[in-house]
């Protein structure tokens, strides 16, 4: 699968087969730390997409907040949206009556939320039980596919690579070792340690050693 549009098309077909009219996948990337990048794909109506954005519902959506701290599924209900009444009323006004949200987290700190929704037919306990494994699998598959699509971009942090020596010096820097101490540990000249650190920071786009070590660790490079 090459593009986000390809993924959304396949996801929409899967949602339809499961009995849902609408689907959405939102992904929160771990970087940059100060303002993590968020990617959102969905086949909601243009009116609802515009309303969700202009009302800034992302910041108050309880299913999104839940997805950042849990991997348990959430069925839409009055209770779930108790503290976001305007969002809940607006959603139902746009035909989003019944919904299931399934979060996924991975070891790199990326979190995603798969949401399937429809305008009618409440979910029975039998349907919920039967569908839970399918939606858990679908959410994981969509998470991995979107991660790969984003990673294929030239500007993706996932495209960053470090040499073995660059990883070595950053690991020791992460343990608090100075360039001189790392020089003794690795048996190389101190200026060589500094050379490798500078190269690693350039590859990582980091302004200093602390930021470089943190970013490399977040990307599982060290």
N, C-alpha and C. Protein backbone atom coordinates (compact mmCIF):
# COMPACT_ATOMS: atom_id res chain seq x y z
N UNK A 1 0.85 -1.19 0.00
CA UNK A 1 0.00 0.00 0.00
C UNK A 1 0.89 1.24 0.00
N UNK A 2 0.67 2.13 -0.97
CA UNK A 2 1.61 3.21 -1.19
C UNK A 2 1.23 4.53 -0.53
N UNK A 3 -0.06 4.84 -0.43
CA UNK A 3 -0.47 6.16 0.03
C UNK A 3 -1.54 6.07 1.12
N UNK A 4 -1.74 7.20 1.78
CA UNK A 4 -2.79 7.29 2.80
C UNK A 4 -4.17 7.11 2.16
N UNK A 5 -4.32 7.60 0.94
CA UNK A 5 -5.60 7.45 0.24
C UNK A 5 -5.89 5.97 -0.02
N UNK A 6 -4.86 5.22 -0.38
CA UNK A 6 -5.03 3.77 -0.59
C UNK A 6 -5.51 3.11 0.69
N UNK A 7 -4.87 3.46 1.80
CA UNK A 7 -5.23 2.88 3.09
C UNK A 7 -6.67 3.21 3.45
N UNK A 8 -7.07 4.46 3.27
CA UNK A 8 -8.43 4.86 3.62
C UNK A 8 -9.45 4.12 2.78
N UNK A 9 -9.15 3.92 1.51
CA UNK A 9 -10.07 3.20 0.63
C UNK A 9 -10.29 1.76 1.10
N UNK A 10 -9.20 1.09 1.45
CA UNK A 10 -9.30 -0.29 1.94
C UNK A 10 -10.03 -0.33 3.28
N UNK A 11 -9.72 0.63 4.15
CA UNK A 11 -10.36 0.68 5.46
C UNK A 11 -11.86 0.91 5.32
N UNK A 12 -12.26 1.78 4.42
CA UNK A 12 -13.68 2.06 4.22
C UNK A 12 -14.41 0.80 3.77
N UNK A 13 -13.78 0.01 2.91
CA UNK A 13 -14.39 -1.24 2.46
C UNK A 13 -14.54 -2.23 3.62
N UNK A 14 -13.50 -2.30 4.45
CA UNK A 14 -13.56 -3.20 5.61
C UNK A 14 -14.65 -2.76 6.58
N UNK A 15 -14.76 -1.46 6.80
CA UNK A 15 -15.78 -0.93 7.70
C UNK A 15 -17.18 -1.27 7.18
N UNK A 16 -17.37 -1.14 5.88
CA UNK A 16 -18.67 -1.45 5.28
C UNK A 16 -19.03 -2.91 5.47
N UNK A 17 -18.04 -3.79 5.31
CA UNK A 17 -18.29 -5.22 5.49
C UNK A 17 -18.66 -5.55 6.94
N UNK A 18 -18.17 -4.73 7.86
CA UNK A 18 -18.47 -4.93 9.28
C UNK A 18 -19.76 -4.24 9.70
N UNK A 19 -20.39 -3.53 8.77
CA UNK A 19 -21.67 -2.89 9.07
C UNK A 19 -21.59 -1.45 9.49
N UNK A 20 -20.51 -0.76 9.11
CA UNK A 20 -20.35 0.65 9.49
C UNK A 20 -20.22 1.52 8.26
N UNK A 21 -20.84 2.69 8.33
CA UNK A 21 -20.80 3.63 7.21
C UNK A 21 -19.54 4.48 7.19
N UNK A 22 -19.01 4.73 8.37
CA UNK A 22 -17.89 5.66 8.49
C UNK A 22 -16.70 5.01 9.19
N UNK A 23 -15.52 5.50 8.82
CA UNK A 23 -14.30 5.01 9.46
C UNK A 23 -13.32 6.16 9.61
N UNK A 24 -12.46 6.04 10.60
CA UNK A 24 -11.44 7.06 10.82
C UNK A 24 -10.24 6.42 11.50
N UNK A 25 -9.06 6.90 11.15
CA UNK A 25 -7.85 6.50 11.84
C UNK A 25 -7.07 7.78 12.18
N UNK A 26 -6.76 7.93 13.44
CA UNK A 26 -5.95 9.05 13.89
C UNK A 26 -4.68 8.51 14.50
N UNK A 27 -3.54 9.11 14.17
CA UNK A 27 -2.26 8.63 14.70
C UNK A 27 -1.48 9.79 15.29
N UNK A 28 -0.97 9.58 16.50
CA UNK A 28 -0.13 10.58 17.18
C UNK A 28 1.29 10.06 17.21
N UNK A 29 2.18 10.74 16.51
CA UNK A 29 3.58 10.35 16.45
C UNK A 29 4.32 10.87 17.67
N UNK A 30 5.37 10.22 18.10
CA UNK A 30 6.06 10.62 19.34
C UNK A 30 6.89 11.89 19.20
N UNK A 31 7.19 12.31 17.97
CA UNK A 31 8.03 13.49 17.74
C UNK A 31 7.31 14.49 16.84
N UNK A 32 7.64 15.78 16.98
CA UNK A 32 8.52 16.36 17.99
C UNK A 32 7.88 16.36 19.38
N UNK A 33 8.70 16.30 20.40
CA UNK A 33 8.18 16.17 21.76
C UNK A 33 7.30 17.35 22.17
N UNK A 34 7.68 18.56 21.73
CA UNK A 34 6.93 19.75 22.13
C UNK A 34 5.57 19.85 21.47
N UNK A 35 5.43 19.23 20.31
CA UNK A 35 4.17 19.32 19.57
C UNK A 35 4.06 18.10 18.65
N UNK A 36 3.73 16.93 19.22
CA UNK A 36 3.69 15.69 18.44
C UNK A 36 2.81 15.82 17.20
N UNK A 37 3.30 15.26 16.10
CA UNK A 37 2.55 15.32 14.85
C UNK A 37 1.35 14.39 14.91
N UNK A 38 0.22 14.86 14.40
CA UNK A 38 -1.00 14.06 14.37
C UNK A 38 -1.46 13.90 12.93
N UNK A 39 -1.74 12.67 12.55
CA UNK A 39 -2.23 12.36 11.21
C UNK A 39 -3.66 11.82 11.34
N UNK A 40 -4.59 12.36 10.55
CA UNK A 40 -5.98 11.94 10.64
C UNK A 40 -6.52 11.63 9.24
N UNK A 41 -7.10 10.44 9.10
CA UNK A 41 -7.73 10.03 7.85
C UNK A 41 -9.15 9.57 8.17
N UNK A 42 -10.12 9.94 7.36
CA UNK A 42 -11.49 9.49 7.60
C UNK A 42 -12.35 9.70 6.36
N UNK A 43 -13.50 9.04 6.35
CA UNK A 43 -14.46 9.24 5.26
C UNK A 43 -15.74 9.90 5.76
N UNK A 44 -15.61 10.70 6.85
CA UNK A 44 -16.76 11.45 7.34
C UNK A 44 -17.21 12.46 6.29
N UNK A 45 -18.40 12.99 6.47
CA UNK A 45 -18.90 14.00 5.54
C UNK A 45 -18.05 15.27 5.66
N UNK A 46 -17.92 16.02 4.55
CA UNK A 46 -17.17 17.28 4.62
C UNK A 46 -17.70 18.20 5.70
N UNK A 47 -19.01 18.20 5.91
CA UNK A 47 -19.61 19.08 6.92
C UNK A 47 -19.12 18.71 8.32
N UNK A 48 -19.04 17.41 8.61
CA UNK A 48 -18.59 17.00 9.94
C UNK A 48 -17.09 17.23 10.12
N UNK A 49 -16.32 16.99 9.09
CA UNK A 49 -14.88 17.25 9.19
C UNK A 49 -14.62 18.73 9.48
N UNK A 50 -15.35 19.60 8.78
CA UNK A 50 -15.17 21.03 9.00
C UNK A 50 -15.62 21.42 10.41
N UNK A 51 -16.75 20.88 10.85
CA UNK A 51 -17.26 21.20 12.17
C UNK A 51 -16.31 20.73 13.27
N UNK A 52 -15.78 19.51 13.11
CA UNK A 52 -14.87 18.94 14.11
C UNK A 52 -13.62 19.80 14.24
N UNK A 53 -13.15 20.29 13.09
CA UNK A 53 -11.93 21.10 13.11
C UNK A 53 -12.18 22.50 13.66
N UNK A 54 -13.23 23.16 13.17
CA UNK A 54 -13.47 24.54 13.59
C UNK A 54 -13.86 24.62 15.06
N UNK A 55 -14.55 23.61 15.57
CA UNK A 55 -14.94 23.60 16.98
C UNK A 55 -13.82 23.07 17.88
N UNK A 56 -12.73 22.65 17.27
CA UNK A 56 -11.56 22.12 17.99
C UNK A 56 -11.95 20.96 18.91
N UNK A 57 -12.77 20.09 18.36
CA UNK A 57 -13.24 18.95 19.14
C UNK A 57 -12.13 17.94 19.47
N UNK A 58 -11.05 17.97 18.69
CA UNK A 58 -9.96 17.05 18.97
C UNK A 58 -9.45 17.21 20.40
N UNK A 59 -9.44 18.45 20.88
CA UNK A 59 -8.89 18.73 22.21
C UNK A 59 -9.81 18.27 23.34
N UNK A 60 -11.08 17.99 23.03
CA UNK A 60 -12.02 17.59 24.10
C UNK A 60 -12.62 16.21 23.85
N UNK A 61 -12.23 15.57 22.76
CA UNK A 61 -12.80 14.27 22.41
C UNK A 61 -12.35 13.22 23.43
N UNK A 62 -13.27 12.66 24.20
CA UNK A 62 -12.89 11.70 25.25
C UNK A 62 -12.32 10.40 24.70
N UNK A 63 -12.69 10.03 23.48
CA UNK A 63 -12.13 8.81 22.91
C UNK A 63 -10.66 9.01 22.55
N UNK A 64 -10.31 10.22 22.15
CA UNK A 64 -8.91 10.53 21.84
C UNK A 64 -8.09 10.54 23.13
N UNK A 65 -8.62 11.17 24.17
CA UNK A 65 -7.92 11.20 25.45
C UNK A 65 -7.71 9.78 25.98
N UNK A 66 -8.73 8.95 25.83
CA UNK A 66 -8.64 7.55 26.27
C UNK A 66 -7.55 6.81 25.51
N UNK A 67 -7.46 7.06 24.20
CA UNK A 67 -6.52 6.33 23.35
C UNK A 67 -5.07 6.63 23.71
N UNK A 68 -4.81 7.76 24.35
CA UNK A 68 -3.43 8.11 24.70
C UNK A 68 -2.94 7.35 25.92
N UNK A 69 -3.86 6.75 26.68
CA UNK A 69 -3.45 6.09 27.93
C UNK A 69 -3.90 4.64 28.04
N UNK A 70 -4.65 4.16 27.05
CA UNK A 70 -5.20 2.81 27.15
C UNK A 70 -5.32 2.18 25.76
N UNK A 71 -5.36 0.86 25.75
CA UNK A 71 -5.61 0.13 24.50
C UNK A 71 -6.96 -0.59 24.54
N UNK A 72 -7.77 -0.29 25.55
CA UNK A 72 -9.08 -0.91 25.65
C UNK A 72 -10.06 -0.25 24.69
N UNK A 73 -10.95 -1.01 24.07
CA UNK A 73 -11.93 -0.43 23.15
C UNK A 73 -12.96 0.40 23.90
N UNK A 74 -13.58 1.32 23.18
CA UNK A 74 -14.60 2.19 23.76
C UNK A 74 -15.82 2.19 22.85
N UNK A 75 -16.98 1.91 23.42
CA UNK A 75 -18.24 2.05 22.71
C UNK A 75 -18.83 3.43 23.02
N UNK A 76 -19.22 4.15 22.01
CA UNK A 76 -19.80 5.47 22.23
C UNK A 76 -21.05 5.36 23.10
N UNK A 77 -21.19 6.31 24.00
CA UNK A 77 -22.37 6.33 24.88
C UNK A 77 -22.50 7.71 25.51
N UNK A 78 -23.66 7.97 26.11
CA UNK A 78 -23.85 9.22 26.83
C UNK A 78 -22.83 9.36 27.95
N UNK A 79 -22.50 8.25 28.58
CA UNK A 79 -21.54 8.28 29.68
C UNK A 79 -20.14 8.65 29.20
N UNK A 80 -19.73 8.07 28.09
CA UNK A 80 -18.40 8.36 27.55
C UNK A 80 -18.26 9.84 27.23
N UNK A 81 -19.31 10.44 26.66
CA UNK A 81 -19.27 11.84 26.24
C UNK A 81 -19.89 12.79 27.26
N UNK A 82 -19.96 12.35 28.50
CA UNK A 82 -20.61 13.16 29.54
C UNK A 82 -19.95 14.54 29.69
N UNK A 83 -18.64 14.62 29.50
CA UNK A 83 -17.94 15.90 29.66
C UNK A 83 -17.68 16.59 28.32
N UNK A 84 -18.31 16.08 27.28
CA UNK A 84 -18.17 16.69 25.96
C UNK A 84 -19.54 16.67 25.28
N UNK A 85 -20.52 17.24 25.97
CA UNK A 85 -21.91 17.18 25.50
C UNK A 85 -22.10 17.82 24.14
N UNK A 86 -21.42 18.95 23.89
CA UNK A 86 -21.57 19.63 22.60
C UNK A 86 -21.06 18.75 21.46
N UNK A 87 -19.92 18.11 21.69
CA UNK A 87 -19.37 17.21 20.68
C UNK A 87 -20.33 16.07 20.40
N UNK A 88 -20.86 15.47 21.44
CA UNK A 88 -21.77 14.33 21.31
C UNK A 88 -23.03 14.72 20.56
N UNK A 89 -23.60 15.87 20.91
CA UNK A 89 -24.82 16.33 20.24
C UNK A 89 -24.55 16.65 18.77
N UNK A 90 -23.42 17.29 18.52
CA UNK A 90 -23.05 17.63 17.15
C UNK A 90 -22.83 16.38 16.31
N UNK A 91 -22.14 15.41 16.88
CA UNK A 91 -21.85 14.17 16.15
C UNK A 91 -23.15 13.48 15.74
N UNK A 92 -24.05 13.36 16.67
CA UNK A 92 -25.32 12.70 16.36
C UNK A 92 -26.12 13.50 15.33
N UNK A 93 -25.98 14.82 15.39
CA UNK A 93 -26.66 15.66 14.41
C UNK A 93 -26.12 15.47 13.00
N UNK A 94 -24.88 14.95 12.91
CA UNK A 94 -24.28 14.68 11.60
C UNK A 94 -24.35 13.20 11.24
N UNK A 95 -25.22 12.47 11.92
CA UNK A 95 -25.44 11.07 11.56
C UNK A 95 -24.50 10.09 12.20
N UNK A 96 -23.71 10.53 13.18
CA UNK A 96 -22.77 9.64 13.86
C UNK A 96 -23.39 9.23 15.20
N UNK A 97 -24.18 8.19 15.15
CA UNK A 97 -24.95 7.77 16.31
C UNK A 97 -24.28 6.64 17.11
N UNK A 98 -23.76 5.68 16.38
CA UNK A 98 -23.20 4.47 16.98
C UNK A 98 -21.73 4.38 16.62
N UNK A 99 -20.86 4.16 17.59
CA UNK A 99 -19.44 4.13 17.27
C UNK A 99 -18.63 3.21 18.16
N UNK A 100 -17.55 2.74 17.63
CA UNK A 100 -16.61 1.87 18.34
C UNK A 100 -15.22 2.45 18.11
N UNK A 101 -14.47 2.67 19.16
CA UNK A 101 -13.12 3.21 19.05
C UNK A 101 -12.12 2.21 19.64
N UNK A 102 -11.11 1.86 18.84
CA UNK A 102 -10.11 0.87 19.27
C UNK A 102 -8.71 1.49 19.19
N UNK A 103 -8.07 1.75 20.35
CA UNK A 103 -6.72 2.30 20.35
C UNK A 103 -5.66 1.23 20.11
N UNK A 104 -4.50 1.67 19.63
CA UNK A 104 -3.33 0.82 19.47
C UNK A 104 -2.10 1.63 19.87
N UNK A 105 -1.18 1.01 20.61
CA UNK A 105 0.10 1.62 20.95
C UNK A 105 1.21 0.71 20.46
N UNK A 106 2.36 1.29 20.08
CA UNK A 106 3.49 0.45 19.72
C UNK A 106 4.72 0.81 20.54
N UNK A 107 5.79 0.04 20.40
CA UNK A 107 6.97 0.21 21.25
C UNK A 107 7.74 1.49 20.95
N UNK A 108 7.45 2.14 19.82
CA UNK A 108 8.13 3.38 19.49
C UNK A 108 7.40 4.61 20.02
N UNK A 109 6.33 4.38 20.77
CA UNK A 109 5.61 5.50 21.35
C UNK A 109 4.54 6.10 20.47
N UNK A 110 4.23 5.44 19.36
CA UNK A 110 3.18 5.92 18.47
C UNK A 110 1.84 5.35 18.92
N UNK A 111 0.84 6.21 18.99
CA UNK A 111 -0.51 5.78 19.38
C UNK A 111 -1.48 6.08 18.26
N UNK A 112 -2.42 5.18 18.04
CA UNK A 112 -3.44 5.42 17.02
C UNK A 112 -4.81 5.04 17.56
N UNK A 113 -5.83 5.54 16.88
CA UNK A 113 -7.21 5.25 17.27
C UNK A 113 -8.02 4.97 16.02
N UNK A 114 -8.51 3.74 15.91
CA UNK A 114 -9.41 3.37 14.83
C UNK A 114 -10.84 3.55 15.31
N UNK A 115 -11.64 4.28 14.55
CA UNK A 115 -13.03 4.50 14.90
C UNK A 115 -13.93 4.07 13.74
N UNK A 116 -14.93 3.27 14.06
CA UNK A 116 -15.95 2.89 13.09
C UNK A 116 -17.28 3.41 13.60
N UNK A 117 -18.08 3.98 12.72
CA UNK A 117 -19.33 4.60 13.15
C UNK A 117 -20.43 4.39 12.13
N UNK A 118 -21.68 4.50 12.61
CA UNK A 118 -22.84 4.40 11.71
C UNK A 118 -23.98 5.25 12.27
N UNK A 119 -24.99 5.42 11.44
CA UNK A 119 -26.07 6.34 11.78
C UNK A 119 -27.27 5.66 12.42
N UNK A 120 -27.26 4.33 12.48
CA UNK A 120 -28.44 3.63 13.01
C UNK A 120 -28.02 2.25 13.51
N UNK A 121 -28.98 1.55 14.11
CA UNK A 121 -28.80 0.17 14.59
C UNK A 121 -27.78 0.08 15.73
N UNK A 122 -28.29 0.19 16.94
CA UNK A 122 -27.43 0.05 18.12
C UNK A 122 -26.77 -1.32 18.13
N UNK A 123 -25.60 -1.40 18.72
CA UNK A 123 -24.86 -2.66 18.77
C UNK A 123 -25.36 -3.52 19.92
N UNK A 124 -25.71 -4.74 19.63
CA UNK A 124 -26.14 -5.67 20.68
C UNK A 124 -24.91 -6.25 21.37
N UNK A 125 -25.12 -6.82 22.54
CA UNK A 125 -24.01 -7.43 23.26
C UNK A 125 -23.42 -8.59 22.46
N UNK A 126 -24.26 -9.27 21.69
CA UNK A 126 -23.77 -10.37 20.86
C UNK A 126 -22.86 -9.84 19.75
N UNK A 127 -23.28 -8.74 19.11
CA UNK A 127 -22.46 -8.15 18.05
C UNK A 127 -21.13 -7.65 18.61
N UNK A 128 -21.19 -7.04 19.78
CA UNK A 128 -19.97 -6.54 20.40
C UNK A 128 -18.99 -7.68 20.66
N UNK A 129 -19.50 -8.78 21.21
CA UNK A 129 -18.65 -9.92 21.49
C UNK A 129 -18.06 -10.54 20.24
N UNK A 130 -18.86 -10.65 19.20
CA UNK A 130 -18.41 -11.26 17.96
C UNK A 130 -17.40 -10.37 17.23
N UNK A 131 -17.60 -9.06 17.34
CA UNK A 131 -16.80 -8.13 16.55
C UNK A 131 -15.49 -7.72 17.22
N UNK A 132 -15.41 -7.85 18.53
CA UNK A 132 -14.24 -7.38 19.26
C UNK A 132 -12.92 -7.90 18.69
N UNK A 133 -12.77 -9.21 18.46
CA UNK A 133 -11.50 -9.70 17.92
C UNK A 133 -11.20 -9.15 16.52
N UNK A 134 -12.24 -9.01 15.70
CA UNK A 134 -12.04 -8.51 14.35
C UNK A 134 -11.57 -7.06 14.36
N UNK A 135 -12.18 -6.24 15.21
CA UNK A 135 -11.80 -4.84 15.26
C UNK A 135 -10.42 -4.65 15.88
N UNK A 136 -10.08 -5.49 16.85
CA UNK A 136 -8.73 -5.41 17.44
C UNK A 136 -7.68 -5.73 16.38
N UNK A 137 -7.95 -6.76 15.57
CA UNK A 137 -7.03 -7.13 14.50
C UNK A 137 -6.96 -6.02 13.44
N UNK A 138 -8.11 -5.49 13.05
CA UNK A 138 -8.15 -4.45 12.04
C UNK A 138 -7.39 -3.21 12.50
N UNK A 139 -7.59 -2.83 13.76
CA UNK A 139 -6.91 -1.65 14.30
C UNK A 139 -5.39 -1.83 14.25
N UNK A 140 -4.93 -3.02 14.61
CA UNK A 140 -3.49 -3.29 14.58
C UNK A 140 -2.95 -3.26 13.16
N UNK A 141 -3.70 -3.84 12.23
CA UNK A 141 -3.27 -3.87 10.84
C UNK A 141 -3.21 -2.46 10.25
N UNK A 142 -4.21 -1.66 10.55
CA UNK A 142 -4.25 -0.29 10.04
C UNK A 142 -3.11 0.53 10.66
N UNK A 143 -2.87 0.33 11.95
CA UNK A 143 -1.78 1.04 12.63
C UNK A 143 -0.44 0.74 11.96
N UNK A 144 -0.16 -0.53 11.73
CA UNK A 144 1.11 -0.92 11.12
C UNK A 144 1.23 -0.42 9.69
N UNK A 145 0.12 -0.46 8.95
CA UNK A 145 0.15 -0.01 7.56
C UNK A 145 0.39 1.49 7.48
N UNK A 146 -0.32 2.27 8.30
CA UNK A 146 -0.13 3.72 8.27
C UNK A 146 1.27 4.09 8.74
N UNK A 147 1.78 3.38 9.73
CA UNK A 147 3.15 3.61 10.20
C UNK A 147 4.14 3.42 9.05
N UNK A 148 3.94 2.36 8.28
CA UNK A 148 4.85 2.08 7.15
C UNK A 148 4.70 3.13 6.05
N UNK A 149 3.48 3.56 5.78
CA UNK A 149 3.26 4.58 4.76
C UNK A 149 3.96 5.88 5.14
N UNK A 150 3.81 6.28 6.40
CA UNK A 150 4.44 7.52 6.87
C UNK A 150 5.96 7.38 6.90
N UNK A 151 6.44 6.20 7.26
CA UNK A 151 7.89 5.97 7.34
C UNK A 151 8.55 6.00 5.98
N UNK A 152 7.77 5.76 4.92
CA UNK A 152 8.34 5.75 3.57
C UNK A 152 8.60 7.15 3.03
N UNK A 153 8.09 8.17 3.72
CA UNK A 153 8.32 9.53 3.27
C UNK A 153 9.79 9.93 3.51
N UNK A 154 10.38 10.67 2.59
CA UNK A 154 11.79 11.06 2.74
C UNK A 154 12.06 11.88 4.00
N UNK A 155 11.05 12.67 4.44
CA UNK A 155 11.25 13.52 5.60
C UNK A 155 10.85 12.85 6.91
N UNK A 156 10.56 11.56 6.87
CA UNK A 156 10.13 10.86 8.07
C UNK A 156 11.30 10.62 9.01
N UNK A 157 11.10 10.81 10.33
CA UNK A 157 12.16 10.48 11.29
C UNK A 157 12.60 9.02 11.19
N UNK A 158 11.69 8.17 10.74
CA UNK A 158 12.02 6.75 10.60
C UNK A 158 13.06 6.50 9.52
N UNK A 159 13.27 7.50 8.65
CA UNK A 159 14.26 7.35 7.59
C UNK A 159 15.67 7.65 8.09
N UNK A 160 15.80 8.13 9.32
CA UNK A 160 17.10 8.46 9.88
C UNK A 160 17.88 7.19 10.21
N UNK A 161 19.13 7.15 9.81
CA UNK A 161 19.99 6.03 10.15
C UNK A 161 21.29 6.56 10.78
N UNK A 162 21.86 5.77 11.66
CA UNK A 162 23.14 6.10 12.29
C UNK A 162 24.11 4.96 12.07
N UNK A 163 25.39 5.29 12.02
CA UNK A 163 26.39 4.24 11.93
C UNK A 163 26.54 3.56 13.29
N UNK A 164 27.15 2.41 13.29
CA UNK A 164 27.35 1.68 14.55
C UNK A 164 28.14 2.51 15.55
N UNK A 165 29.18 3.22 15.08
CA UNK A 165 30.00 4.03 16.00
C UNK A 165 29.21 5.23 16.53
N UNK A 166 28.37 5.83 15.67
CA UNK A 166 27.54 6.95 16.13
C UNK A 166 26.58 6.48 17.21
N UNK A 167 26.02 5.30 17.04
CA UNK A 167 25.14 4.76 18.08
C UNK A 167 25.91 4.49 19.36
N UNK A 168 27.13 4.00 19.24
CA UNK A 168 27.95 3.73 20.42
C UNK A 168 28.18 5.00 21.25
N UNK A 169 28.64 6.06 20.58
CA UNK A 169 28.98 7.28 21.33
C UNK A 169 27.72 7.91 21.94
N UNK A 170 26.58 7.79 21.25
CA UNK A 170 25.35 8.35 21.82
C UNK A 170 24.88 7.54 23.02
N UNK A 171 25.07 6.24 22.99
CA UNK A 171 24.69 5.42 24.15
C UNK A 171 25.49 5.82 25.37
N UNK A 172 26.79 6.00 25.19
CA UNK A 172 27.62 6.40 26.33
C UNK A 172 27.28 7.81 26.77
N UNK A 173 26.98 8.69 25.83
CA UNK A 173 26.56 10.05 26.20
C UNK A 173 25.27 10.00 27.00
N UNK A 174 24.38 9.07 26.62
CA UNK A 174 23.13 8.91 27.36
C UNK A 174 23.35 8.43 28.77
N UNK A 175 24.46 7.74 28.99
CA UNK A 175 24.81 7.28 30.34
C UNK A 175 25.60 8.33 31.11
N UNK A 176 25.73 9.51 30.52
CA UNK A 176 26.38 10.62 31.21
C UNK A 176 27.88 10.69 31.04
N UNK A 177 28.43 9.92 30.12
CA UNK A 177 29.87 9.93 29.91
C UNK A 177 30.30 11.13 29.07
N UNK A 178 31.42 11.72 29.41
CA UNK A 178 31.98 12.80 28.61
C UNK A 178 32.67 12.22 27.39
N UNK A 179 33.06 13.11 26.48
CA UNK A 179 33.78 12.65 25.29
C UNK A 179 35.09 11.98 25.68
N UNK A 180 35.77 12.53 26.69
CA UNK A 180 37.03 11.94 27.15
C UNK A 180 36.81 10.55 27.73
N UNK A 181 35.76 10.41 28.55
CA UNK A 181 35.47 9.10 29.14
C UNK A 181 35.08 8.09 28.07
N UNK A 182 34.27 8.53 27.11
CA UNK A 182 33.88 7.64 26.02
C UNK A 182 35.09 7.24 25.20
N UNK A 183 36.04 8.16 25.04
CA UNK A 183 37.27 7.87 24.33
C UNK A 183 38.02 6.72 24.99
N UNK A 184 38.12 6.76 26.30
CA UNK A 184 38.82 5.69 27.04
C UNK A 184 38.07 4.37 26.92
N UNK A 185 36.74 4.43 27.02
CA UNK A 185 35.93 3.21 26.99
C UNK A 185 36.02 2.53 25.63
N UNK A 186 35.96 3.31 24.55
CA UNK A 186 35.94 2.74 23.21
C UNK A 186 37.33 2.57 22.59
N UNK A 187 38.32 3.17 23.25
CA UNK A 187 39.67 3.04 22.74
C UNK A 187 39.91 3.82 21.46
N UNK A 188 39.30 4.98 21.36
CA UNK A 188 39.47 5.85 20.19
C UNK A 188 39.81 7.25 20.68
N UNK A 189 40.30 8.08 19.79
CA UNK A 189 40.68 9.44 20.17
C UNK A 189 39.46 10.27 20.57
N UNK A 190 39.68 11.20 21.49
CA UNK A 190 38.56 12.04 21.93
C UNK A 190 37.99 12.85 20.77
N UNK A 191 38.86 13.33 19.89
CA UNK A 191 38.36 14.11 18.75
C UNK A 191 37.51 13.24 17.81
N UNK A 192 37.80 11.93 17.81
CA UNK A 192 37.00 11.01 17.00
C UNK A 192 35.61 10.84 17.62
N UNK A 193 35.56 10.80 18.95
CA UNK A 193 34.27 10.73 19.64
C UNK A 193 33.44 11.96 19.29
N UNK A 194 34.06 13.12 19.38
CA UNK A 194 33.35 14.37 19.08
C UNK A 194 32.89 14.38 17.62
N UNK A 195 33.72 13.88 16.73
CA UNK A 195 33.37 13.80 15.31
C UNK A 195 32.11 12.96 15.12
N UNK A 196 32.07 11.80 15.75
CA UNK A 196 30.90 10.92 15.59
C UNK A 196 29.65 11.52 16.23
N UNK A 197 29.81 12.18 17.36
CA UNK A 197 28.66 12.83 18.00
C UNK A 197 28.11 13.92 17.11
N UNK A 198 29.01 14.74 16.55
CA UNK A 198 28.56 15.83 15.67
C UNK A 198 27.83 15.27 14.45
N UNK A 199 28.34 14.21 13.88
CA UNK A 199 27.69 13.60 12.72
C UNK A 199 26.31 13.06 13.08
N UNK A 200 26.22 12.41 14.25
CA UNK A 200 24.94 11.85 14.70
C UNK A 200 23.91 12.96 14.91
N UNK A 201 24.34 14.06 15.52
CA UNK A 201 23.42 15.18 15.76
C UNK A 201 22.93 15.77 14.44
N UNK A 202 23.83 15.83 13.47
CA UNK A 202 23.43 16.36 12.15
C UNK A 202 22.40 15.45 11.50
N UNK A 203 22.63 14.16 11.56
CA UNK A 203 21.67 13.21 10.96
C UNK A 203 20.31 13.29 11.66
N UNK A 204 20.35 13.47 12.97
CA UNK A 204 19.13 13.50 13.76
C UNK A 204 18.42 14.85 13.70
N UNK A 205 19.12 15.88 13.24
CA UNK A 205 18.54 17.21 13.23
C UNK A 205 18.38 17.74 14.64
N UNK A 206 19.32 17.38 15.51
CA UNK A 206 19.26 17.78 16.92
C UNK A 206 20.23 18.93 17.18
N UNK A 207 19.84 19.86 18.04
CA UNK A 207 20.65 21.05 18.28
C UNK A 207 21.73 20.83 19.33
N UNK A 208 21.60 19.80 20.15
CA UNK A 208 22.63 19.52 21.15
C UNK A 208 22.63 18.04 21.51
N UNK A 209 23.60 17.64 22.32
CA UNK A 209 23.78 16.23 22.62
C UNK A 209 22.59 15.65 23.38
N UNK A 210 22.03 16.41 24.30
CA UNK A 210 20.88 15.92 25.07
C UNK A 210 19.70 15.63 24.16
N UNK A 211 19.41 16.58 23.26
CA UNK A 211 18.30 16.38 22.33
C UNK A 211 18.59 15.22 21.39
N UNK A 212 19.85 15.06 20.99
CA UNK A 212 20.21 13.97 20.09
C UNK A 212 20.02 12.61 20.73
N UNK A 213 20.48 12.47 21.97
CA UNK A 213 20.33 11.21 22.68
C UNK A 213 18.85 10.87 22.86
N UNK A 214 18.06 11.88 23.24
CA UNK A 214 16.63 11.66 23.46
C UNK A 214 15.93 11.24 22.17
N UNK A 215 16.24 11.93 21.08
CA UNK A 215 15.57 11.62 19.82
C UNK A 215 16.00 10.24 19.32
N UNK A 216 17.26 9.91 19.45
CA UNK A 216 17.74 8.59 19.03
C UNK A 216 17.08 7.50 19.85
N UNK A 217 16.91 7.74 21.14
CA UNK A 217 16.26 6.75 22.00
C UNK A 217 14.80 6.60 21.64
N UNK A 218 14.11 7.71 21.35
CA UNK A 218 12.70 7.67 20.97
C UNK A 218 12.51 6.89 19.67
N UNK A 219 13.49 7.01 18.78
CA UNK A 219 13.39 6.31 17.49
C UNK A 219 13.95 4.90 17.55
N UNK A 220 14.33 4.46 18.75
CA UNK A 220 14.89 3.13 18.97
C UNK A 220 16.15 2.89 18.15
N UNK A 221 16.96 3.96 18.01
CA UNK A 221 18.23 3.83 17.31
C UNK A 221 19.36 3.46 18.25
N UNK A 222 19.15 3.67 19.53
CA UNK A 222 20.16 3.31 20.52
C UNK A 222 19.51 2.55 21.68
